[in-house]
Amino acid sequence: MKLEGIIGMQKAFFDAGSKSVLVSLWDVNDKYTSFFMKDFYTHLANGKSKTEALRQTKLDFIKNYSANPYYWSAFVLSGNSSPINIEQASPVSIVNVLTILLLASIIYFIFSRIRSRKSR
């Protein structure tokens, strides 16, 4: 993708309300990109700012995967660099989901029994 396309894509995300965008300036092997992104999100989840998470991810990538800049220098961040507040699911929401799944299973079981009796 040409640079104009990347800038246009960033602008589209910002126009849609994104506060920050991480892009790759060129195509990078999917395998290495998945390693890179996993580490980046781990650093974000640990409370690092986006710029610090990106910096640490690049250093980790050089140490653990490849020092070749082709694989790690393609990624650039634009916009807000503050940390992301990642909230864990509360126990109440987990209980609600489990309750809904249980009720859905019971309803499915009842309707299956009714349907099988009608077909006899």
N, C-alpha and C. Protein backbone atom coordinates (compact mmCIF):
# COMPACT_ATOMS: atom_id res chain seq x y z
N MET A 1 0.85 -1.17 0.00
CA MET A 1 0.00 0.00 0.00
C MET A 1 0.90 1.23 0.00
N LYS A 2 0.57 2.21 -0.81
CA LYS A 2 1.36 3.42 -0.86
C LYS A 2 1.12 4.24 0.40
N LEU A 3 2.06 5.15 0.68
CA LEU A 3 1.97 5.98 1.88
C LEU A 3 0.67 6.78 1.91
N GLU A 4 0.21 7.26 0.75
CA GLU A 4 -1.04 8.01 0.71
C GLU A 4 -2.21 7.15 1.20
N GLY A 5 -2.17 5.87 0.85
CA GLY A 5 -3.22 4.95 1.28
C GLY A 5 -3.21 4.75 2.78
N ILE A 6 -2.02 4.67 3.36
CA ILE A 6 -1.91 4.49 4.81
C ILE A 6 -2.40 5.73 5.53
N ILE A 7 -2.00 6.91 5.04
CA ILE A 7 -2.45 8.16 5.65
C ILE A 7 -3.96 8.28 5.54
N GLY A 8 -4.50 7.92 4.37
CA GLY A 8 -5.95 7.96 4.19
C GLY A 8 -6.68 7.01 5.12
N MET A 9 -6.10 5.83 5.34
CA MET A 9 -6.71 4.87 6.25
C MET A 9 -6.68 5.38 7.68
N GLN A 10 -5.54 5.96 8.08
CA GLN A 10 -5.46 6.54 9.43
C GLN A 10 -6.50 7.64 9.60
N LYS A 11 -6.61 8.50 8.60
CA LYS A 11 -7.58 9.60 8.66
C LYS A 11 -8.99 9.06 8.80
N ALA A 12 -9.30 8.00 8.07
CA ALA A 12 -10.64 7.40 8.15
C ALA A 12 -10.92 6.90 9.57
N PHE A 13 -9.94 6.26 10.20
CA PHE A 13 -10.13 5.79 11.57
C PHE A 13 -10.29 6.96 12.54
N PHE A 14 -9.48 8.01 12.36
CA PHE A 14 -9.61 9.19 13.23
C PHE A 14 -10.96 9.87 13.02
N ASP A 15 -11.40 9.98 11.77
CA ASP A 15 -12.71 10.57 11.48
C ASP A 15 -13.84 9.76 12.09
N ALA A 16 -13.64 8.45 12.21
CA ALA A 16 -14.66 7.57 12.79
C ALA A 16 -14.63 7.58 14.32
N GLY A 17 -13.67 8.31 14.90
CA GLY A 17 -13.66 8.45 16.35
C GLY A 17 -12.51 7.77 17.07
N SER A 18 -11.63 7.11 16.34
CA SER A 18 -10.48 6.47 17.00
C SER A 18 -9.57 7.54 17.58
N LYS A 19 -9.03 7.26 18.74
CA LYS A 19 -8.11 8.20 19.39
C LYS A 19 -6.66 7.93 18.99
N SER A 20 -6.38 6.69 18.61
CA SER A 20 -5.03 6.33 18.18
C SER A 20 -5.11 5.15 17.21
N VAL A 21 -4.08 5.06 16.36
CA VAL A 21 -4.05 4.02 15.33
C VAL A 21 -2.62 3.48 15.23
N LEU A 22 -2.51 2.16 15.25
CA LEU A 22 -1.22 1.50 15.01
C LEU A 22 -1.29 0.88 13.62
N VAL A 23 -0.37 1.28 12.75
CA VAL A 23 -0.37 0.76 11.38
C VAL A 23 0.99 0.19 11.03
N SER A 24 0.99 -0.61 9.99
CA SER A 24 2.22 -1.13 9.43
C SER A 24 2.47 -0.40 8.12
N LEU A 25 3.66 0.12 7.95
CA LEU A 25 3.97 0.89 6.74
C LEU A 25 4.20 0.00 5.52
N TRP A 26 4.41 -1.28 5.74
CA TRP A 26 4.55 -2.24 4.64
C TRP A 26 4.06 -3.60 5.11
N ASP A 27 3.86 -4.50 4.16
CA ASP A 27 3.41 -5.85 4.50
C ASP A 27 4.50 -6.58 5.27
N VAL A 28 4.10 -7.14 6.40
CA VAL A 28 5.01 -7.94 7.22
C VAL A 28 4.40 -9.33 7.33
N ASN A 29 5.23 -10.34 7.32
CA ASN A 29 4.81 -11.72 7.44
C ASN A 29 3.79 -11.87 8.57
N ASP A 30 2.67 -12.56 8.29
CA ASP A 30 1.60 -12.72 9.28
C ASP A 30 2.07 -13.39 10.56
N LYS A 31 2.94 -14.35 10.43
CA LYS A 31 3.44 -15.06 11.61
C LYS A 31 4.14 -14.09 12.57
N TYR A 32 5.03 -13.26 12.03
CA TYR A 32 5.76 -12.31 12.86
C TYR A 32 4.85 -11.18 13.35
N THR A 33 3.89 -10.79 12.53
CA THR A 33 2.94 -9.76 12.96
C THR A 33 2.12 -10.26 14.14
N SER A 34 1.72 -11.52 14.12
CA SER A 34 0.93 -12.06 15.24
C SER A 34 1.76 -12.08 16.52
N PHE A 35 3.05 -12.43 16.44
CA PHE A 35 3.92 -12.37 17.62
C PHE A 35 4.01 -10.94 18.13
N PHE A 36 4.20 -10.02 17.18
CA PHE A 36 4.36 -8.61 17.53
C PHE A 36 3.11 -8.08 18.22
N MET A 37 1.95 -8.33 17.63
CA MET A 37 0.70 -7.79 18.19
C MET A 37 0.37 -8.42 19.54
N LYS A 38 0.64 -9.70 19.70
CA LYS A 38 0.39 -10.35 20.99
C LYS A 38 1.20 -9.68 22.08
N ASP A 39 2.48 -9.44 21.82
CA ASP A 39 3.33 -8.78 22.80
C ASP A 39 2.88 -7.34 23.05
N PHE A 40 2.50 -6.64 21.99
CA PHE A 40 2.04 -5.25 22.12
C PHE A 40 0.82 -5.18 23.04
N TYR A 41 -0.17 -6.03 22.80
CA TYR A 41 -1.38 -6.02 23.63
C TYR A 41 -1.09 -6.47 25.06
N THR A 42 -0.12 -7.34 25.24
CA THR A 42 0.27 -7.74 26.60
C THR A 42 0.82 -6.54 27.36
N HIS A 43 1.67 -5.76 26.71
CA HIS A 43 2.23 -4.56 27.35
C HIS A 43 1.12 -3.54 27.64
N LEU A 44 0.18 -3.38 26.72
CA LEU A 44 -0.95 -2.47 26.98
C LEU A 44 -1.76 -2.95 28.18
N ALA A 45 -2.02 -4.24 28.24
CA ALA A 45 -2.81 -4.80 29.34
C ALA A 45 -2.10 -4.64 30.67
N ASN A 46 -0.77 -4.54 30.64
CA ASN A 46 0.00 -4.34 31.86
C ASN A 46 0.10 -2.87 32.26
N GLY A 47 -0.63 -1.99 31.55
CA GLY A 47 -0.72 -0.59 31.95
C GLY A 47 0.27 0.36 31.31
N LYS A 48 1.06 -0.12 30.36
CA LYS A 48 2.01 0.78 29.70
C LYS A 48 1.26 1.70 28.74
N SER A 49 1.83 2.90 28.52
CA SER A 49 1.27 3.79 27.51
C SER A 49 1.45 3.13 26.15
N LYS A 50 0.72 3.61 25.17
CA LYS A 50 0.82 3.00 23.84
C LYS A 50 2.23 3.13 23.27
N THR A 51 2.85 4.31 23.46
CA THR A 51 4.21 4.49 22.93
C THR A 51 5.21 3.61 23.67
N GLU A 52 5.06 3.49 24.99
CA GLU A 52 5.96 2.63 25.75
C GLU A 52 5.73 1.16 25.40
N ALA A 53 4.47 0.78 25.21
CA ALA A 53 4.16 -0.61 24.81
C ALA A 53 4.78 -0.92 23.45
N LEU A 54 4.70 0.03 22.52
CA LEU A 54 5.29 -0.17 21.19
C LEU A 54 6.81 -0.27 21.29
N ARG A 55 7.41 0.62 22.06
CA ARG A 55 8.86 0.60 22.24
C ARG A 55 9.32 -0.72 22.86
N GLN A 56 8.65 -1.14 23.92
CA GLN A 56 9.04 -2.38 24.60
C GLN A 56 8.81 -3.59 23.70
N THR A 57 7.73 -3.56 22.92
CA THR A 57 7.45 -4.66 21.99
C THR A 57 8.55 -4.78 20.95
N LYS A 58 9.00 -3.65 20.44
CA LYS A 58 10.09 -3.68 19.45
C LYS A 58 11.36 -4.24 20.06
N LEU A 59 11.68 -3.82 21.29
CA LEU A 59 12.87 -4.35 21.96
C LEU A 59 12.74 -5.85 22.21
N ASP A 60 11.57 -6.27 22.68
CA ASP A 60 11.34 -7.70 22.92
C ASP A 60 11.44 -8.50 21.62
N PHE A 61 10.90 -7.93 20.55
CA PHE A 61 10.91 -8.61 19.25
C PHE A 61 12.35 -8.82 18.78
N ILE A 62 13.17 -7.78 18.93
CA ILE A 62 14.58 -7.89 18.53
C ILE A 62 15.27 -8.99 19.33
N LYS A 63 14.96 -9.04 20.62
CA LYS A 63 15.59 -10.03 21.51
C LYS A 63 15.08 -11.45 21.25
N ASN A 64 13.76 -11.61 21.06
CA ASN A 64 13.16 -12.94 21.02
C ASN A 64 12.90 -13.53 19.64
N TYR A 65 12.76 -12.67 18.62
CA TYR A 65 12.37 -13.19 17.30
C TYR A 65 13.38 -12.86 16.21
N SER A 66 13.55 -11.57 15.94
CA SER A 66 14.45 -11.19 14.84
C SER A 66 14.91 -9.75 15.03
N ALA A 67 16.20 -9.52 14.81
CA ALA A 67 16.74 -8.16 14.86
C ALA A 67 16.57 -7.45 13.53
N ASN A 68 16.13 -8.17 12.51
CA ASN A 68 15.94 -7.58 11.19
C ASN A 68 14.85 -6.51 11.26
N PRO A 69 15.18 -5.23 10.98
CA PRO A 69 14.19 -4.15 11.09
C PRO A 69 12.98 -4.32 10.17
N TYR A 70 13.11 -5.14 9.14
CA TYR A 70 11.97 -5.37 8.25
C TYR A 70 10.75 -5.84 9.04
N TYR A 71 10.97 -6.66 10.07
CA TYR A 71 9.87 -7.27 10.80
C TYR A 71 9.30 -6.40 11.91
N TRP A 72 10.07 -5.48 12.48
CA TRP A 72 9.56 -4.73 13.62
C TRP A 72 9.46 -3.22 13.40
N SER A 73 10.20 -2.66 12.45
CA SER A 73 10.18 -1.20 12.30
C SER A 73 9.02 -0.69 11.45
N ALA A 74 8.25 -1.59 10.87
CA ALA A 74 7.12 -1.19 10.03
C ALA A 74 5.98 -0.60 10.85
N PHE A 75 5.92 -0.92 12.14
CA PHE A 75 4.78 -0.53 12.97
C PHE A 75 4.98 0.86 13.57
N VAL A 76 4.00 1.75 13.31
CA VAL A 76 4.05 3.12 13.84
C VAL A 76 2.70 3.47 14.46
N LEU A 77 2.78 4.30 15.49
CA LEU A 77 1.59 4.71 16.23
C LEU A 77 1.31 6.17 15.95
N SER A 78 0.04 6.51 15.74
CA SER A 78 -0.38 7.89 15.57
C SER A 78 -1.50 8.18 16.56
N GLY A 79 -1.54 9.41 17.04
CA GLY A 79 -2.65 9.81 17.91
C GLY A 79 -2.30 9.74 19.38
N ASN A 80 -3.32 9.57 20.19
CA ASN A 80 -3.22 9.54 21.64
C ASN A 80 -2.35 8.37 22.09
N SER A 81 -1.39 8.66 22.97
CA SER A 81 -0.48 7.59 23.40
C SER A 81 -0.69 7.17 24.85
N SER A 82 -1.74 7.67 25.49
CA SER A 82 -1.95 7.35 26.91
C SER A 82 -2.31 5.87 27.08
N PRO A 83 -2.14 5.36 28.30
CA PRO A 83 -2.48 3.95 28.56
C PRO A 83 -3.96 3.68 28.33
N ILE A 84 -4.27 2.44 28.06
CA ILE A 84 -5.66 2.02 27.89
C ILE A 84 -6.12 1.39 29.20
N ASN A 85 -7.31 1.77 29.65
CA ASN A 85 -7.88 1.17 30.85
C ASN A 85 -8.65 -0.07 30.44
N ILE A 86 -8.04 -1.22 30.66
CA ILE A 86 -8.68 -2.49 30.30
C ILE A 86 -9.30 -3.06 31.56
N GLU A 87 -10.62 -3.07 31.60
CA GLU A 87 -11.32 -3.57 32.77
C GLU A 87 -11.60 -5.06 32.60
N GLN A 88 -11.44 -5.77 33.68
CA GLN A 88 -11.76 -7.19 33.68
C GLN A 88 -13.27 -7.35 33.81
N ALA A 89 -13.80 -8.44 33.28
CA ALA A 89 -15.23 -8.72 33.41
C ALA A 89 -15.54 -8.93 34.89
N SER A 90 -16.60 -8.29 35.34
CA SER A 90 -16.97 -8.43 36.75
C SER A 90 -17.62 -9.78 36.98
N PRO A 91 -17.54 -10.29 38.22
CA PRO A 91 -18.17 -11.58 38.52
C PRO A 91 -19.68 -11.54 38.25
N VAL A 92 -20.31 -10.37 38.43
CA VAL A 92 -21.75 -10.25 38.18
C VAL A 92 -22.06 -10.52 36.72
N SER A 93 -21.26 -9.95 35.80
CA SER A 93 -21.53 -10.16 34.38
C SER A 93 -21.29 -11.62 33.99
N ILE A 94 -20.33 -12.25 34.60
CA ILE A 94 -20.08 -13.67 34.31
C ILE A 94 -21.25 -14.52 34.78
N VAL A 95 -21.78 -14.20 35.97
CA VAL A 95 -22.94 -14.92 36.50
C VAL A 95 -24.14 -14.71 35.58
N ASN A 96 -24.33 -13.49 35.09
CA ASN A 96 -25.45 -13.21 34.17
C ASN A 96 -25.33 -14.04 32.90
N VAL A 97 -24.16 -14.11 32.33
CA VAL A 97 -23.96 -14.89 31.10
C VAL A 97 -24.22 -16.37 31.36
N LEU A 98 -23.71 -16.88 32.47
CA LEU A 98 -23.93 -18.29 32.79
C LEU A 98 -25.41 -18.59 33.04
N THR A 99 -26.11 -17.66 33.68
CA THR A 99 -27.55 -17.83 33.92
C THR A 99 -28.32 -17.87 32.61
N ILE A 100 -28.00 -16.97 31.71
CA ILE A 100 -28.67 -16.95 30.40
C ILE A 100 -28.40 -18.24 29.64
N LEU A 101 -27.16 -18.71 29.66
CA LEU A 101 -26.83 -19.98 28.98
C LEU A 101 -27.59 -21.15 29.60
N LEU A 102 -27.69 -21.17 30.91
CA LEU A 102 -28.42 -22.24 31.59
C LEU A 102 -29.90 -22.20 31.21
N LEU A 103 -30.51 -21.01 31.24
CA LEU A 103 -31.92 -20.89 30.87
C LEU A 103 -32.15 -21.29 29.41
N ALA A 104 -31.25 -20.87 28.53
CA ALA A 104 -31.39 -21.24 27.11
C ALA A 104 -31.30 -22.75 26.94
N SER A 105 -30.41 -23.39 27.68
CA SER A 105 -30.28 -24.85 27.61
C SER A 105 -31.54 -25.55 28.10
N ILE A 106 -32.11 -25.05 29.20
CA ILE A 106 -33.34 -25.64 29.74
C ILE A 106 -34.48 -25.48 28.75
N ILE A 107 -34.63 -24.29 28.17
CA ILE A 107 -35.70 -24.05 27.20
C ILE A 107 -35.51 -24.95 25.98
N TYR A 108 -34.28 -25.08 25.50
CA TYR A 108 -34.01 -25.96 24.36
C TYR A 108 -34.38 -27.40 24.70
N PHE A 109 -34.02 -27.86 25.88
CA PHE A 109 -34.32 -29.23 26.31
C PHE A 109 -35.84 -29.45 26.36
N ILE A 110 -36.58 -28.50 26.93
CA ILE A 110 -38.04 -28.63 27.03
C ILE A 110 -38.67 -28.69 25.65
N PHE A 111 -38.27 -27.78 24.75
CA PHE A 111 -38.85 -27.79 23.40
C PHE A 111 -38.47 -29.05 22.63
N SER A 112 -37.28 -29.58 22.84
CA SER A 112 -36.90 -30.83 22.16
C SER A 112 -37.77 -31.98 22.63
N ARG A 113 -38.04 -32.04 23.92
CA ARG A 113 -38.88 -33.10 24.46
C ARG A 113 -40.30 -32.99 23.92
N ILE A 114 -40.83 -31.77 23.87
CA ILE A 114 -42.19 -31.56 23.35
C ILE A 114 -42.24 -31.97 21.89
N ARG A 115 -41.26 -31.56 21.11
CA ARG A 115 -41.22 -31.88 19.68
C ARG A 115 -41.12 -33.39 19.47
N SER A 116 -40.31 -34.07 20.26
CA SER A 116 -40.16 -35.52 20.09
C SER A 116 -41.44 -36.26 20.48
N ARG A 117 -42.19 -35.76 21.45
CA ARG A 117 -43.46 -36.38 21.83
C ARG A 117 -44.52 -36.19 20.75
N LYS A 118 -44.51 -35.01 20.10
CA LYS A 118 -45.48 -34.74 19.03
C LYS A 118 -45.21 -35.60 17.81
N SER A 119 -43.98 -35.94 17.56
CA SER A 119 -43.64 -36.73 16.37
C SER A 119 -43.94 -38.21 16.55
N ARG A 120 -44.30 -38.66 17.74
CA ARG A 120 -44.59 -40.08 17.98
C ARG A 120 -45.94 -40.44 17.53
